[in-house]
Protein backbone atom coordinates (compact mmCIF):
# COMPACT_ATOMS: atom_id res chain seq x y z
CA MET A 1 0.00 0.00 0.00
CA ASN A 2 1.32 3.40 -0.96
CA ASN A 3 0.87 5.74 2.02
CA LYS A 4 2.05 8.79 0.06
CA LYS A 5 -1.25 8.91 -1.76
CA TYR A 6 -2.92 10.18 1.42
CA PHE A 7 -0.56 13.14 1.87
CA PRO A 8 -2.99 15.58 0.20
CA SER A 9 -5.67 14.66 2.74
CA ILE A 10 -3.28 14.98 5.66
CA ILE A 11 -1.89 18.31 4.50
CA THR A 12 -5.23 19.89 3.67
CA GLY A 13 -6.83 18.58 6.88
CA PHE A 14 -3.99 20.06 8.92
CA GLY A 15 -4.29 23.33 6.99
CA ALA A 16 -8.01 23.54 7.73
CA ALA A 17 -7.31 22.95 11.43
CA VAL A 18 -4.69 25.71 11.49
CA ILE A 19 -7.05 28.15 9.76
CA SER A 20 -9.74 27.28 12.32
CA THR A 21 -7.61 28.79 15.09
CA VAL A 22 -8.17 32.24 13.62
CA PRO A 23 -10.95 33.94 15.60
CA GLY A 24 -14.15 34.12 13.59
CA LEU A 25 -13.16 31.39 11.14
CA LYS A 26 -13.88 28.54 13.53
CA SER A 27 -17.59 28.87 12.79
CA LEU A 28 -16.84 28.12 9.13
CA MET A 29 -14.93 24.94 9.97
CA CYS A 30 -17.65 22.36 9.37
CA CYS A 31 -19.52 23.88 6.47
CA LEU A 32 -16.74 25.51 4.45
CA LEU A 33 -13.18 24.75 5.52
CA VAL A 34 -13.32 20.95 5.81
CA PRO A 35 -15.38 20.36 2.64
CA GLY A 36 -13.05 22.75 0.81
CA ALA A 37 -10.02 20.92 2.19
CA ALA A 38 -11.46 17.57 1.07
CA PHE A 39 -12.13 18.97 -2.40
CA LEU A 40 -8.57 20.31 -2.53
CA ALA A 41 -7.20 16.94 -1.39
CA ILE A 42 -8.95 15.12 -4.23
CA TYR A 43 -7.86 17.79 -6.70
CA LEU A 44 -4.23 17.54 -5.55
CA TYR A 45 -4.33 13.75 -5.69
CA ASN A 46 -5.66 13.90 -9.25
CA LYS A 47 -2.94 16.36 -10.26
CA THR A 48 -0.14 14.29 -8.72
CA MET A 49 -1.35 11.10 -10.41
CA GLY A 50 -1.48 12.89 -13.76
CA ASP A 51 -4.37 10.90 -15.13
CA ASN A 52 -7.77 12.21 -15.99
CA GLN A 53 -9.60 9.06 -14.99
CA PRO A 54 -12.94 9.61 -13.27
CA ILE A 55 -12.74 9.67 -9.50
CA LYS A 56 -14.51 6.72 -7.92
CA LEU A 57 -16.97 7.03 -5.08
CA ASN A 58 -14.86 5.06 -2.60
CA LYS A 59 -11.82 7.25 -3.29
CA ALA A 60 -13.83 10.45 -2.83
CA LEU A 61 -15.32 9.20 0.44
CA SER A 62 -11.99 7.92 1.78
CA TYR A 63 -10.14 11.15 0.96
CA GLY A 64 -12.94 13.19 2.49
CA LEU A 65 -13.02 11.01 5.59
CA ILE A 66 -9.26 11.17 6.11
CA THR A 67 -9.29 14.93 5.60
CA GLY A 68 -12.11 15.30 8.12
CA LEU A 69 -10.44 13.04 10.69
CA VAL A 70 -7.10 14.83 10.42
CA ALA A 71 -8.84 18.20 10.68
CA ALA A 72 -10.82 16.97 13.71
CA PHE A 73 -7.72 15.68 15.48
CA PHE A 74 -5.72 18.86 15.02
CA THR A 75 -8.68 21.18 15.63
CA THR A 76 -9.34 19.43 18.93
CA PHE A 77 -5.66 19.55 19.84
CA PHE A 78 -5.35 23.26 19.04
CA ASP A 79 -8.60 24.09 20.83
CA LEU A 80 -7.56 22.25 23.98
CA LEU A 81 -4.07 23.77 23.86
CA ILE A 82 -5.35 27.32 23.46
CA THR A 83 -7.93 26.72 26.20
CA PHE A 84 -5.20 25.40 28.50
CA LEU A 85 -2.92 28.37 27.84
CA THR A 86 -5.57 31.10 28.06
CA HIS A 87 -7.98 29.53 30.59
CA SER A 88 -10.78 30.71 28.32
CA ASN A 89 -12.72 29.65 25.24
CA GLU A 90 -16.12 30.10 23.56
CA LEU A 91 -17.86 28.17 26.33
CA VAL A 92 -16.46 30.45 29.01
CA THR A 93 -17.34 33.65 27.17
CA GLY A 94 -20.77 32.54 25.97
CA LEU A 95 -22.15 30.77 29.03
CA SER A 96 -23.95 33.81 30.42
CA GLN A 97 -25.80 34.36 27.13
CA THR A 98 -26.70 30.69 26.93
CA GLU A 99 -28.00 30.77 30.48
CA GLU A 100 -30.13 33.84 29.69
CA ILE A 101 -31.72 32.11 26.71
CA VAL A 102 -32.45 28.94 28.67
CA ASN A 103 -33.98 30.94 31.52
CA GLN A 104 -35.96 33.18 29.15
CA TYR A 105 -37.64 30.30 27.35
CA LYS A 106 -38.06 28.11 30.44
CA LEU A 107 -36.94 24.99 28.61
CA GLY A 108 -37.23 22.69 31.61
CA PRO A 109 -35.16 20.77 34.11
CA LEU A 110 -33.06 18.98 31.49
CA PHE A 111 -31.72 22.28 30.19
CA ASP A 112 -31.20 23.52 33.74
CA ALA A 113 -29.08 20.44 34.42
CA SER A 114 -27.06 21.05 31.26
CA ILE A 115 -26.39 24.64 32.37
CA LYS A 116 -25.20 23.28 35.70
CA ILE A 117 -22.79 20.91 33.91
CA MET A 118 -21.55 23.75 31.67
CA LYS A 119 -20.95 25.94 34.74
CA GLU A 120 -18.83 23.16 36.22
CA MET A 121 -16.82 22.90 32.99
CA VAL A 122 -16.31 26.68 32.95
CA LYS A 123 -15.19 26.60 36.58
CA GLU A 124 -12.61 23.89 35.77
CA ILE A 125 -11.39 25.75 32.67
CA LYS A 126 -11.01 29.03 34.55
CA SER A 127 -9.11 27.43 37.42
CA THR A 128 -6.88 24.85 35.67
CA GLY A 129 -7.32 25.53 31.95
CA PHE A 130 -8.64 22.03 31.37
CA SER A 131 -11.95 20.25 31.81
CA PRO A 132 -12.05 16.51 31.07
CA LEU A 133 -15.74 16.63 30.21
CA TYR A 134 -15.20 19.55 27.83
CA ALA A 135 -12.34 17.64 26.19
CA VAL A 136 -14.57 14.59 25.66
CA PHE A 137 -17.45 16.65 24.26
CA ILE A 138 -15.26 18.68 21.90
CA THR A 139 -13.41 15.56 20.69
CA ILE A 140 -16.54 13.54 19.95
CA GLY A 141 -18.27 16.52 18.35
CA ASN A 142 -15.32 17.39 16.12
CA PHE A 143 -14.74 13.82 14.97
CA LEU A 144 -18.40 13.22 14.14
CA VAL A 145 -19.15 16.52 12.43
CA LEU A 146 -15.89 17.05 10.57
CA SER A 147 -15.68 13.50 9.24
CA ILE A 148 -19.22 13.79 7.84
CA PHE A 149 -18.54 17.17 6.24
CA GLY A 150 -15.20 15.89 4.94
CA MET A 151 -16.98 13.07 3.13
CA LEU A 152 -19.55 15.53 1.75
CA GLY A 153 -16.69 17.69 0.47
CA GLY A 154 -15.14 14.62 -1.12
CA LEU A 155 -18.40 13.83 -2.90
CA VAL A 156 -18.76 17.40 -4.15
CA GLY A 157 -15.15 17.34 -5.32
CA MET A 158 -15.74 14.07 -7.13
CA ALA A 159 -18.82 15.46 -8.88
CA ILE A 160 -17.08 18.67 -9.96
CA LEU A 161 -13.84 17.05 -11.08
CA ASN A 162 -15.57 14.21 -12.91
CA LYS A 163 -17.81 16.66 -14.73
CA ARG A 164 -14.85 18.82 -15.67
CA ASN A 165 -12.77 15.86 -16.88
CA ARG A 166 -15.57 14.30 -18.91
CA PRO A 167 -14.68 13.98 -22.60
CA ARG A 168 -16.56 16.35 -24.85
CA PHE A 169 -18.04 15.24 -28.18
């Protein structure tokens, strides 16, 4: 098995994770950066192979999945590292607004319990810079969401590149 063929996915996934550390761009991670990185990975793979053969579904899904998983790993790592160094993150800064919304709409005891759990996570982050529960939630969330959007980006890339490389009569 030739492991070099997955370098485009690894590089573009890492690049998407690095870009996600820029404030304001993190919200674009799932719906723009990771699908774009998966598309770029398939495009780069096609260019390095030098053939204009149609991209197969399994290749598009695998490149998208690998791109999403690499992006999820590094995004989680960078998020936890920055949280540890600064003792702050989006959860810490946005908890008061979240609590206001939950109280305003009176969503019930389940949401009150979730606010209590979030307050405990914020307390741990402010005091030590790390919350194990936050780390678990952010890891699971990133791996699920970014792998799915990576595969979607791979499918879109396959459709665009196959249409572009189709012979014309």
